[in-house]
Protein backbone atom coordinates (compact mmCIF):
# COMPACT_ATOMS: atom_id res chain seq x y z
CA MET A 1 0.10 -0.19 -0.01
CA ALA A 2 1.33 3.20 -1.19
CA SER A 3 1.89 6.06 1.58
CA ALA A 4 0.47 9.30 2.00
CA LEU A 5 2.81 11.29 0.60
CA GLU A 6 3.25 8.94 -2.57
CA LEU A 7 -0.50 8.91 -2.66
CA SER A 8 0.22 13.23 -2.84
CA THR A 9 2.56 13.51 -5.42
CA LEU A 10 0.97 11.10 -8.33
CA GLY A 11 -2.12 12.69 -7.92
CA HIS A 12 -0.39 15.79 -9.05
CA ARG A 13 1.19 14.17 -11.28
CA ILE A 14 -2.05 12.64 -12.80
CA ARG A 15 -3.21 16.26 -12.83
CA HIS A 16 0.08 17.59 -14.04
CA HIS A 17 -0.64 16.03 -17.06
CA ARG A 18 -4.35 16.05 -17.34
CA VAL A 19 -3.86 20.07 -17.58
CA ALA A 20 -1.13 19.67 -19.82
CA ARG A 21 -3.19 17.26 -22.46
CA GLY A 22 -6.28 20.58 -21.66
CA TYR A 23 -9.15 17.45 -20.31
CA THR A 24 -11.51 17.61 -17.60
CA LEU A 25 -12.19 15.61 -14.79
CA ASP A 26 -15.30 14.73 -16.78
CA GLU A 27 -13.20 13.75 -20.17
CA LEU A 28 -10.96 12.49 -18.98
CA GLY A 29 -13.22 10.34 -16.68
CA ALA A 30 -14.54 9.43 -19.70
CA LEU A 31 -11.42 8.49 -21.85
CA VAL A 32 -10.22 6.15 -19.54
CA GLY A 33 -13.54 4.14 -18.37
CA VAL A 34 -14.48 5.92 -14.75
CA ALA A 35 -16.24 9.27 -13.54
CA GLY A 36 -14.12 12.30 -13.00
CA SER A 37 -15.37 12.23 -9.31
CA GLN A 38 -12.96 8.85 -8.85
CA LEU A 39 -10.18 10.78 -10.44
CA SER A 40 -10.41 13.69 -8.21
CA LEU A 41 -10.14 11.66 -5.42
CA ILE A 42 -6.87 10.10 -7.10
CA GLU A 43 -6.15 13.71 -7.67
CA ASN A 44 -5.93 14.61 -4.21
CA GLY A 45 -4.47 11.25 -2.78
CA LYS A 46 -7.77 9.89 -1.35
CA ARG A 47 -8.02 6.99 -3.35
CA GLU A 48 -4.78 4.23 -4.90
CA PRO A 49 -5.57 3.71 -8.30
CA LYS A 50 -5.43 0.36 -9.40
CA LEU A 51 -2.61 -0.52 -12.19
CA SER A 52 -4.91 -1.06 -15.23
CA LEU A 53 -6.46 2.46 -14.51
CA LEU A 54 -3.13 4.25 -14.49
CA GLN A 55 -1.73 2.69 -17.62
CA ALA A 56 -5.33 3.77 -19.48
CA ILE A 57 -4.28 7.45 -17.87
CA ALA A 58 -1.36 7.13 -18.94
CA HIS A 59 -1.71 6.64 -22.01
CA ALA A 60 -4.91 9.05 -22.23
CA THR A 61 -1.95 11.96 -21.51
CA GLY A 62 0.32 10.39 -23.17
CA THR A 63 2.94 9.43 -20.47
CA ASP A 64 3.74 6.18 -19.17
CA VAL A 65 3.36 5.37 -15.34
CA THR A 66 7.50 4.95 -15.41
CA ASP A 67 6.75 8.81 -15.28
CA LEU A 68 3.50 8.93 -12.90
CA LEU A 69 4.96 6.61 -10.51
CA SER A 70 8.25 8.87 -10.28
CA PRO A 71 8.32 10.08 -6.49
CA GLU A 72 9.97 13.71 -7.56
CA PRO A 73 6.80 16.78 -7.53
CA PRO A 74 5.37 17.46 -11.43
CA ASN A 75 6.26 20.98 -10.83
CA ARG A 76 6.75 23.76 -8.42
CA ARG A 77 3.10 24.93 -7.18
CA ALA A 78 3.01 21.46 -6.64
CA ALA A 79 5.89 20.51 -4.92
CA LEU A 80 5.18 23.38 -2.85
CA GLU A 81 1.16 22.08 -1.59
CA LEU A 82 3.43 18.57 -1.04
CA ASP A 83 5.42 20.00 1.46
CA LEU A 84 2.56 22.13 3.04
CA GLU A 85 0.17 18.61 3.01
CA GLN A 86 3.56 17.12 4.85
CA ALA A 87 3.70 20.34 7.25
CA GLN A 88 -0.32 20.36 8.13
CA ASN A 89 -0.12 16.64 8.87
CA SER A 90 2.75 16.94 11.25
CA PRO A 91 3.08 15.83 15.15
CA VAL A 92 3.73 18.65 15.71
CA PHE A 93 1.18 21.13 14.45
CA ARG A 94 -2.06 18.41 14.96
CA ARG A 95 -1.18 18.79 18.62
CA LEU A 96 -1.88 22.32 18.36
CA GLY A 97 -5.49 21.86 17.48
CA ILE A 98 -5.13 24.07 14.69
CA PRO A 99 -7.47 23.62 11.22
CA ALA A 100 -5.31 23.01 8.66
CA VAL A 101 -5.06 25.85 5.58
CA ARG A 102 -7.22 24.21 2.54
CA VAL A 103 -5.37 25.62 -0.93
CA THR A 104 -7.21 26.42 -4.11
CA LYS A 105 -6.31 27.36 -7.31
CA ALA A 106 -7.06 30.82 -5.89
CA THR A 107 -4.29 30.43 -3.33
CA SER A 108 -0.89 32.19 -4.29
CA ASP A 109 2.35 31.25 -3.77
CA GLU A 110 3.75 33.99 -2.03
CA THR A 111 0.94 32.54 0.63
CA ILE A 112 2.14 28.75 0.70
CA GLU A 113 5.81 29.48 1.49
CA SER A 114 4.44 31.85 3.79
CA ILE A 115 2.21 29.46 5.63
CA LEU A 116 5.34 26.69 5.09
CA GLY A 117 7.68 29.26 6.95
CA LEU A 118 5.99 29.36 9.96
CA HIS A 119 5.63 25.76 9.83
CA ARG A 120 9.57 25.57 9.50
CA GLU A 121 10.02 28.30 12.26
CA LEU A 122 7.06 25.51 14.70
CA GLN A 123 9.74 22.13 13.77
CA ARG A 124 13.09 24.59 14.59
CA ARG A 125 11.16 25.44 17.64
CA GLU A 126 10.22 21.81 18.69
CA ARG A 127 13.59 20.89 17.73
CA GLU A 128 14.95 23.79 20.55
CA ALA A 129 12.46 21.79 22.59
CA ILE A 130 14.20 19.95 25.85
CA ALA A 131 14.84 16.48 25.35
CA THR A 132 13.01 14.64 27.78
CA PRO A 133 13.81 11.17 29.49
CA GLU A 134 11.47 9.55 28.04
CA GLU A 135 12.13 10.57 24.49
CA ALA A 136 15.51 10.14 24.88
CA ARG A 137 15.22 6.33 26.57
CA ARG A 138 12.94 6.07 23.47
CA ALA A 139 15.09 7.66 20.52
CA ASN A 140 18.01 4.79 22.35
CA THR A 141 15.84 2.06 22.17
CA GLU A 142 14.97 2.48 18.35
CA LEU A 143 18.95 2.89 17.59
CA ARG A 144 19.96 0.06 19.72
CA LEU A 145 17.51 -2.49 17.55
CA ARG A 146 18.64 -1.30 14.39
CA MET A 147 21.95 -1.43 15.36
CA ARG A 148 20.69 -5.34 16.49
CA GLU A 149 19.62 -5.82 13.14
CA ARG A 150 23.49 -4.86 11.55
CA GLY A 151 25.01 -7.49 14.08
CA ASN A 152 26.71 -3.74 15.59
CA TYR A 153 28.50 -3.48 11.70
CA LEU A 154 29.05 -0.75 9.97
CA PRO A 155 30.90 -1.79 6.67
CA GLU A 156 30.61 2.04 4.70
CA ILE A 157 32.25 3.02 8.33
CA GLU A 158 34.82 0.17 8.40
CA HIS A 159 36.28 0.73 5.13
CA LEU A 160 36.41 4.86 5.56
CA ALA A 161 38.53 4.24 8.48
CA GLU A 162 41.02 2.25 7.26
CA LYS A 163 40.99 4.32 3.87
CA GLN A 164 42.30 7.08 6.29
CA LEU A 165 44.69 4.92 8.20
CA LYS A 166 46.54 4.04 4.93
CA ALA A 167 46.77 7.67 3.84
CA ALA A 168 48.33 8.22 7.26
CA ALA A 169 51.21 5.87 6.38
CA HIS A 170 50.00 3.50 9.93
CA THR A 171 50.80 0.17 9.26
CA GLY A 172 50.35 -1.24 12.03
CA GLY A 173 50.02 -1.44 15.65
CA ALA A 174 48.82 0.49 17.75
CA LEU A 175 48.04 3.68 16.33
CA THR A 176 50.04 6.92 17.89
CA HIS A 177 49.01 10.32 18.75
CA ARG A 178 51.39 10.81 16.15
CA SER A 179 49.40 9.16 13.52
CA VAL A 180 45.99 11.29 14.79
CA SER A 181 48.02 14.38 14.45
CA VAL A 182 48.48 13.15 10.51
CA MET A 183 45.29 12.48 9.51
CA ALA A 184 43.91 15.71 10.93
CA SER A 185 46.36 17.23 9.38
CA GLN A 186 45.23 15.98 6.47
CA LEU A 187 42.17 17.19 6.58
CA GLY A 188 43.22 21.02 7.41
CA PHE A 189 42.38 20.54 11.24
CA GLU A 190 45.42 21.41 14.38
CA LEU A 191 45.26 19.09 17.47
CA ILE A 192 44.80 21.57 20.35
CA TYR A 193 45.26 21.16 23.99
CA VAL A 194 43.75 23.68 26.50
CA ASP A 195 42.65 23.20 29.99
CA ASP A 196 39.66 25.43 29.89
CA LEU A 197 36.96 23.21 27.59
CA PRO A 198 33.47 23.92 28.21
CA HIS A 199 32.44 21.94 30.91
CA SER A 200 29.52 20.38 28.50
CA ALA A 201 32.07 19.56 25.29
CA ARG A 202 34.36 16.66 24.81
CA SER A 203 35.37 18.49 21.78
CA VAL A 204 35.18 22.15 20.01
CA THR A 205 36.19 22.20 16.31
CA ASP A 206 36.94 25.41 15.57
CA LEU A 207 35.65 24.84 11.08
CA GLU A 208 37.10 28.51 10.39
CA ASN A 209 40.46 28.24 11.59
CA GLY A 210 41.32 24.73 11.22
CA ARG A 211 41.57 23.71 15.02
CA ILE A 212 40.42 20.55 17.21
CA TYR A 213 40.49 22.11 20.86
CA LEU A 214 40.97 18.88 23.13
CA PRO A 215 41.53 18.76 26.75
CA PRO A 216 45.21 18.24 28.11
CA ALA A 217 44.33 14.89 29.51
CA SER A 218 42.47 11.94 28.87
CA ILE A 219 38.72 12.06 29.97
CA PRO A 220 37.95 9.58 33.37
CA GLY A 221 36.40 6.22 31.82
CA GLY A 222 38.56 5.89 29.07
CA HIS A 223 37.65 8.79 26.56
CA GLY A 224 41.24 9.03 25.88
CA LEU A 225 42.89 11.91 23.34
CA ARG A 226 43.57 9.64 20.69
CA SER A 227 39.37 8.56 20.63
CA MET A 228 37.75 11.89 20.76
CA ALA A 229 40.28 14.00 18.35
CA LEU A 230 38.76 10.68 16.18
CA GLN A 231 35.55 11.84 17.47
CA ALA A 232 36.02 15.04 16.22
CA MET A 233 37.30 14.93 12.68
CA ALA A 234 34.72 11.79 12.22
CA HIS A 235 32.01 14.86 12.10
CA ARG A 236 33.42 15.94 9.43
CA LEU A 237 34.65 12.68 7.42
CA LEU A 238 30.92 11.76 7.58
CA GLY A 239 29.75 15.38 7.03
CA HIS A 240 27.09 15.70 9.78
CA THR A 241 25.26 19.05 10.09
CA PRO A 242 23.48 19.91 13.05
CA PRO A 243 21.71 17.27 14.34
CA THR A 244 17.73 17.70 13.82
CA ASP A 245 16.31 15.88 16.86
CA TYR A 246 17.47 13.49 20.11
CA ALA A 247 17.28 10.73 17.59
CA ASP A 248 20.15 12.10 14.88
CA PHE A 249 21.89 13.32 18.03
CA LEU A 250 22.61 9.48 19.01
CA GLN A 251 22.88 8.47 16.20
CA GLN A 252 25.80 10.86 14.98
CA ARG A 253 27.01 9.71 18.16
CA LEU A 254 27.36 6.39 17.75
CA GLU A 255 28.80 6.85 14.83
CA ILE A 256 31.58 9.47 15.76
CA ASN A 257 32.51 6.22 18.41
CA TYR A 258 32.24 3.77 15.45
CA PHE A 259 34.28 5.49 12.92
CA ALA A 260 37.25 6.00 16.55
CA ALA A 261 37.31 2.29 17.15
CA CYS A 262 37.43 1.49 13.45
CA CYS A 263 40.84 3.35 13.78
CA LEU A 264 42.31 2.11 16.93
CA MET A 265 41.57 -0.82 16.09
CA PRO A 266 41.28 -1.38 12.35
CA GLU A 267 39.41 -4.23 10.81
CA THR A 268 41.96 -6.07 9.08
CA ALA A 269 44.22 -6.50 11.74
CA SER A 270 41.42 -6.67 14.11
CA VAL A 271 39.51 -9.73 12.61
CA ALA A 272 43.07 -11.29 11.96
CA PHE A 273 43.99 -11.05 15.26
CA LEU A 274 40.80 -11.90 17.20
CA ALA A 275 40.21 -14.98 14.12
CA GLN A 276 44.08 -16.69 15.22
CA ALA A 277 42.92 -16.36 18.89
CA LYS A 278 39.10 -18.11 17.78
CA LYS A 279 41.39 -20.88 16.54
CA ASP A 280 43.75 -21.15 19.48
CA ARG A 281 40.50 -21.10 21.74
CA ASN A 282 42.18 -18.37 23.39
CA LEU A 283 39.68 -15.16 23.17
CA ALA A 284 40.08 -12.91 25.49
CA VAL A 285 38.84 -9.06 25.80
CA GLU A 286 42.28 -8.43 27.77
CA ASP A 287 44.59 -9.31 25.31
CA PHE A 288 42.50 -7.79 22.24
CA ARG A 289 42.89 -4.75 24.67
CA ASP A 290 46.21 -5.18 24.79
CA ALA A 291 47.29 -5.84 21.67
CA PHE A 292 45.95 -2.11 20.25
CA GLY A 293 46.22 -0.39 23.32
CA VAL A 294 43.06 0.82 24.32
CA THR A 295 41.05 1.12 27.71
CA HIS A 296 39.06 -3.07 28.58
CA GLU A 297 35.31 -1.45 27.66
CA ALA A 298 37.10 -0.07 23.77
CA ALA A 299 37.56 -3.60 22.96
CA ALA A 300 34.81 -5.24 24.34
CA MET A 301 32.61 -2.97 22.67
CA ARG A 302 34.60 -3.31 19.03
CA MET A 303 34.14 -6.87 19.67
CA THR A 304 30.57 -7.01 19.40
CA ASN A 305 31.13 -5.16 15.79
CA LEU A 306 33.55 -7.79 14.45
CA LEU A 307 32.19 -10.95 15.91
CA THR A 308 28.97 -12.10 14.33
CA GLU A 309 30.24 -10.69 11.61
CA HIS A 310 33.20 -11.85 11.10
CA LEU A 311 33.27 -14.90 12.69
CA GLY A 312 29.49 -16.22 13.42
CA THR A 313 29.84 -15.80 17.03
CA ARG A 314 26.69 -13.89 18.48
CA LEU A 315 27.56 -12.05 21.58
CA HIS A 316 26.81 -10.08 24.32
CA PHE A 317 28.16 -6.66 26.23
CA LEU A 318 26.95 -4.85 29.21
CA ARG A 319 28.57 -1.79 30.91
CA VAL A 320 26.83 -1.64 34.51
CA ASP A 321 27.49 0.42 37.51
CA GLY A 322 27.71 -0.22 41.27
CA ALA A 323 24.06 -0.30 41.46
CA GLY A 324 23.69 -2.83 39.02
CA ALA A 325 21.61 0.18 36.58
CA ILE A 326 22.81 -0.52 33.29
CA ASN A 327 25.27 1.97 31.40
CA ARG A 328 25.82 0.89 28.24
CA VAL A 329 24.36 -2.47 26.45
CA TYR A 330 24.32 -4.89 23.09
CA GLU A 331 23.23 -8.34 22.53
CA ASN A 332 22.51 -10.38 19.93
CA ASP A 333 22.16 -13.63 21.17
CA ASP A 334 18.60 -13.54 23.53
CA LEU A 335 20.85 -12.72 27.13
CA PRO A 336 17.50 -12.19 28.89
CA LEU A 337 17.46 -8.73 29.82
CA PRO A 338 15.13 -6.05 32.53
CA MET A 339 13.76 -3.14 30.57
CA ASP A 340 10.53 -1.31 31.18
CA VAL A 341 7.13 -0.73 28.92
CA THR A 342 8.59 0.86 26.14
CA GLY A 343 11.92 -1.50 25.69
CA SER A 344 14.38 0.48 26.74
CA VAL A 345 17.21 -1.36 28.77
CA GLU A 346 19.32 1.30 29.96
CA GLY A 347 19.25 2.48 33.79
CA GLN A 348 17.34 -0.48 34.11
CA ILE A 349 18.74 -2.83 37.23
CA VAL A 350 20.35 -5.64 36.23
CA CYS A 351 19.93 -9.61 37.35
CA ARG A 352 21.91 -9.87 40.39
CA ARG A 353 23.13 -13.51 39.34
CA PHE A 354 24.76 -11.88 36.86
CA ALA A 355 28.69 -12.12 35.82
CA ALA A 356 28.29 -7.79 35.27
CA ARG A 357 27.18 -7.76 39.51
CA ALA A 358 28.94 -10.96 40.74
CA ALA A 359 32.15 -9.70 40.08
CA PHE A 360 32.04 -6.79 42.24
CA ALA A 361 32.39 -9.32 45.02
CA GLU A 362 35.32 -10.42 43.31
CA GLN A 363 38.43 -9.85 45.87
CA ASN A 364 41.05 -9.65 43.10
CA ARG A 365 39.67 -7.46 41.04
CA THR A 366 42.57 -7.16 38.41
CA VAL A 367 41.65 -10.02 36.74
CA GLU A 368 38.57 -10.76 34.75
CA HIS A 369 36.47 -12.43 36.45
CA TYR A 370 34.39 -15.79 34.41
CA GLN A 371 31.10 -17.46 35.33
CA TYR A 372 27.96 -19.39 33.46
CA THR A 373 25.31 -18.33 34.46
CA ASP A 374 21.75 -20.41 33.59
CA THR A 375 19.19 -17.89 32.56
CA PRO A 376 15.48 -18.87 31.21
CA ALA A 377 16.79 -18.41 27.75
CA GLY A 378 19.68 -21.07 28.24
CA THR A 379 23.14 -21.11 29.42
CA PHE A 380 25.69 -17.69 29.21
CA TRP A 381 28.84 -17.78 30.28
CA CYS A 382 30.91 -14.36 30.06
CA SER A 383 33.71 -12.15 30.95
CA SER A 384 33.79 -9.45 33.56
CA GLN A 385 36.33 -6.59 34.51
CA THR A 386 35.43 -4.16 37.02
CA GLY A 387 36.88 -0.36 37.21
CA ARG A 388 36.18 2.70 38.79
CA THR A 389 35.84 6.26 37.63
CA GLY A 390 35.13 9.36 39.82
CA ASP A 391 31.30 9.00 39.86
CA GLY A 392 31.94 5.23 41.24
CA GLU A 393 32.73 1.58 40.07
CA PHE A 394 31.74 -0.60 36.71
CA SER A 395 31.84 -3.74 35.73
CA ILE A 396 32.74 -4.62 31.67
CA THR A 397 31.03 -7.84 30.28
CA VAL A 398 31.18 -9.83 27.59
CA GLY A 399 29.35 -13.08 27.34
CA VAL A 400 28.04 -16.23 24.78
CA PRO A 401 25.62 -18.63 24.58
CA PHE A 402 27.24 -21.89 26.30
CA ASP A 403 27.94 -23.96 22.87
CA ASP A 404 30.45 -20.80 22.15
CA ALA A 405 31.90 -20.13 24.71
CA ARG A 406 34.32 -23.29 23.91
CA TRP A 407 36.88 -20.42 21.74
CA PHE A 408 37.29 -18.04 24.86
CA ARG A 409 39.89 -17.99 27.77
CA GLY A 410 38.13 -19.13 31.13
CA ARG A 411 35.68 -21.44 29.99
CA GLU A 412 37.35 -24.14 32.19
CA THR A 413 35.63 -22.04 35.58
CA HIS A 414 33.40 -23.38 37.90
CA LYS A 415 32.03 -21.03 39.22
CA ARG A 416 28.38 -20.64 38.07
CA ALA A 417 24.83 -18.72 38.87
CA VAL A 418 21.30 -19.47 37.95
CA SER A 419 19.17 -16.08 37.10
CA THR A 420 15.76 -16.78 36.77
CA CYS A 421 14.77 -12.90 36.33
CA PRO A 422 12.40 -11.46 35.36
CA ASP A 423 10.74 -13.33 38.03
CA GLU A 424 11.40 -10.97 40.92
CA SER A 425 11.60 -13.96 43.26
CA CYS A 426 14.82 -14.14 42.07
CA CYS A 427 16.56 -11.40 43.12
CA ARG A 428 14.03 -8.48 43.32
CA ARG A 429 12.06 -9.58 46.08
CA PRO A 430 13.62 -10.56 49.94
CA ASP A 431 13.28 -13.81 51.85
CA ALA A 432 9.98 -14.23 53.46
CA SER A 433 12.00 -14.02 57.03
CA LEU A 434 13.41 -10.39 56.33
CA THR A 435 9.91 -9.52 54.76
CA ASP A 436 8.15 -11.04 57.77
CA ARG A 437 10.77 -9.20 60.16
CA TRP A 438 10.97 -6.08 58.58
CA ASN A 439 8.09 -4.78 56.78
CA GLY A 440 6.87 -2.07 58.30
CA LYS A 441 9.14 -1.08 60.35
CA ALA A 442 11.64 0.52 58.13
CA TRP A 443 11.54 3.66 56.20
CA PRO A 444 14.96 3.83 53.10
CA SER A 445 14.93 7.22 51.89
CA ALA A 446 15.96 6.56 48.23
CA ARG A 447 18.68 8.62 46.36
CA VAL A 448 17.62 10.89 43.49
CA HIS A 449 19.82 11.48 40.80
CA MET A 450 20.25 14.74 40.10
CA GLN A 451 19.86 14.28 36.08
CA MET A 452 16.61 13.43 36.29
CA PHE A 453 15.93 17.12 37.21
CA SER A 454 18.29 18.45 34.70
CA PRO A 455 17.45 19.11 30.95
CA LEU A 456 19.19 19.35 28.07
CA PRO A 457 20.62 22.88 27.23
CA ARG A 458 18.91 24.28 24.79
CA GLY A 459 20.57 24.65 21.61
CA ALA A 460 21.58 23.22 17.89
CA PHE A 461 23.71 20.22 19.66
CA PRO A 462 22.40 18.28 22.80
CA GLY A 463 23.48 18.67 25.79
CA VAL A 464 26.24 21.26 24.80
CA ASP A 465 25.72 25.08 26.02
CA ASP A 466 26.22 26.78 22.61
CA GLY A 467 26.79 30.14 23.78
CA GLU A 468 29.13 28.51 26.03
CA VAL A 469 31.29 27.14 23.04
CA TYR A 470 30.72 29.78 20.84
CA ALA A 471 32.12 32.45 23.61
CA PHE A 472 35.19 29.79 24.10
CA LEU A 473 35.50 29.66 19.94
CA ASP A 474 35.60 33.84 19.94
CA ARG A 475 38.01 33.55 22.85
CA HIS A 476 40.75 31.31 21.50
CA ALA A 477 40.46 32.78 17.87
CA GLN A 478 41.72 35.99 18.76
CA GLU A 479 45.22 33.88 20.25
């Protein structure tokens, strides 16, 4: 079934050719065997014609079906009317409860353009509106599901990264800061390290003067200077424009992170390393991490890009904070994850029996924690490593279904747990004896995360204070 926009465009194209031939609705209807009122419904996008009728219309107007079905408006007036129809059907406009403007032959082009200008301003103001947590979760969930369908693999960015590395004469091993500087120079940028970056930005790119401003030291939590510089370059290489909404912002952030990972752990070398490790039945995040000089989290996440696509291994990745909340997630192995009614996983509390949380109880935090976990969806083997930032402790987990554990180091572990989540009796419901002892006798005070009440700053880039960034650029441009 054709969309409303496709039907409207088709109607405009039929009307254009009818008028060009000098036919009225009734005259063309008589030629093709339908009433003029039926043609009117088709030209107004209210009814989808059968192929046989389209063929008759094309023959009568001296054109062909392919031309009638073209997605392009037949003329400027039709383009204006279609744009206005689409704008008046947008959720933003419909929420206002204002009647749509009915366009007639007497409506001038200038009038339609003026109304369209008002709609564009309405959309702009809507985009500037504060992104609510609900909007962010919805957009993030949609992005996660799209990437799951693609195996978390973006070949076009993989190829772009390999091309840039080749141009910078990087042949192998860990990517050096010098190579990153060469890559920036080839794009016309100089890397400058300053200690007064706006608090809301990890880096700032001065497009006019060809400068990328970075902090003088890595941000706690693994955002290394090489990665931040590569992400800033990726915006330019990928042709990004200011995001139109929060979903666009998240898509851009995913793409620049992906590009940085591709440069730090190039596809060809990484796949060769992982394939050999699998052949040796010795796959390990820590070895992959050390081979390319990246963080444990970066190496673990990069494995989700490559293991399914190149080694046929389904897997999952979790970053979980000390309270058990999921900060970052990817899975294509059907690991049962907690989610809210919207399907969002981020922010949900993972089962206490999972390795991602059991690792916090280990006395030796310098090595990976291995564990098998029996779940309603099957048994999974997991490897977890803990760490700490200024915001608290966290764990990084990579896991696979039981049958694929044979390729990984740590598969011989005897640690095993049973999780029946989402059944609340698994780890959420207190023991009956404790309930009897404390029910009605305790009143904990919940810790409220202040970010729940902190809206994103208004501006072109979600989460970034434009005024602070522009003042920063103006200050440094004068140096």
